[in-house]
Protein backbone atom coordinates (compact mmCIF):
# COMPACT_ATOMS: atom_id res chain seq x y z
CA MET A 1 101.55 113.88 92.90
CA VAL A 2 97.97 114.44 91.80
CA GLU A 3 96.27 117.74 92.62
CA VAL A 4 93.05 119.58 91.80
CA GLY A 5 92.99 120.38 88.09
CA SER A 6 95.35 117.55 87.10
CA HIS A 7 94.58 115.77 83.82
CA VAL A 8 94.11 112.03 84.36
CA ARG A 9 92.61 109.10 82.48
CA TYR A 10 89.44 107.63 83.95
CA VAL A 11 88.37 104.07 83.14
CA ASP A 12 84.64 103.64 83.75
CA GLN A 13 82.80 100.53 84.98
CA LYS A 14 82.53 99.23 81.39
CA GLY A 15 86.27 99.65 80.75
CA VAL A 16 85.86 102.78 78.57
CA GLU A 17 88.74 105.25 78.98
CA ARG A 18 88.04 108.97 79.16
CA ASP A 19 90.04 112.13 79.79
CA ALA A 20 89.13 113.65 83.15
CA LEU A 21 90.11 116.42 85.54
CA VAL A 22 90.67 115.96 89.25
CA GLN A 23 88.02 117.91 91.13
CA MET A 24 88.98 116.91 94.68
CA VAL A 25 91.79 114.89 96.25
CA HIS A 26 90.77 112.69 99.17
CA THR A 27 94.16 110.97 99.36
CA GLU A 28 96.98 110.53 96.87
CA MET A 29 95.20 107.41 95.61
CA CYS A 30 91.52 108.50 95.84
CA VAL A 31 89.99 111.43 93.95
CA ASN A 32 86.77 112.94 92.61
CA LEU A 33 86.69 113.43 88.84
CA VAL A 34 84.79 115.43 86.25
CA PHE A 35 84.66 114.49 82.55
CA VAL A 36 82.65 115.12 79.39
CA SER A 37 79.82 112.64 78.89
CA GLY A 38 80.43 109.94 76.32
CA ASP A 39 76.73 110.07 75.38
CA GLU A 40 76.37 112.47 72.44
CA ASN A 41 72.67 112.91 73.29
CA ARG A 42 73.44 114.37 76.74
CA LYS A 43 73.57 118.03 75.76
CA ASP A 44 72.50 121.28 77.33
CA SER A 45 72.90 124.94 76.39
CA TYR A 46 76.65 124.72 77.12
CA GLY A 47 77.25 121.71 74.88
CA ARG A 48 77.91 118.13 75.93
CA GLN A 49 77.11 117.64 79.60
CA VAL A 50 79.77 116.87 82.16
CA GLN A 51 79.61 113.95 84.56
CA HIS A 52 81.17 113.41 87.96
CA GLU A 53 82.52 110.36 89.74
CA THR A 54 83.42 110.38 93.41
CA SER A 55 85.92 108.38 95.44
CA VAL A 56 87.67 106.89 92.42
CA SER A 57 90.76 104.86 93.35
CA HIS A 58 94.05 104.79 91.48
CA ARG A 59 94.47 101.72 89.28
CA SER A 60 97.27 100.45 91.52
CA GLN A 61 94.64 99.96 94.24
CA MET A 62 92.31 97.93 92.02
CA THR A 63 92.49 94.19 91.39
CA GLY A 64 90.21 92.02 89.32
CA VAL A 65 87.88 94.77 88.13
CA PRO A 66 87.44 96.04 84.55
CA GLY A 67 87.15 99.70 85.55
CA PHE A 68 86.23 102.52 87.94
CA TYR A 69 89.79 103.71 88.44
CA TRP A 70 92.07 106.52 87.31
CA TYR A 71 95.70 106.82 86.28
CA ASP A 72 98.12 109.54 85.24
CA PRO A 73 98.51 109.41 81.43
CA LYS A 74 102.27 109.80 81.92
CA GLU A 75 102.35 106.41 83.66
CA GLU A 76 103.17 103.43 81.51
CA LYS A 77 99.89 101.85 80.46
CA VAL A 78 99.40 98.42 81.98
CA LYS A 79 96.62 96.18 80.71
CA ALA A 80 94.17 95.30 83.47
């Protein structure tokens, strides 16, 4: 079961995978995430900026899309 603070993998709209933390759980299959920006130029006084995504569905709920989903890294990876 996913909970606030859980480490997950986030796949963005371009299909790029990133490590993320769960920031809020809407349902067991829908969460808000926070992750470090993939853009090395997005920096502030704390280092690389963080980004947020809201209402991200679990990959089991997604069909026919290249990204914008999350999964537990302990799950067997299934190619989309």
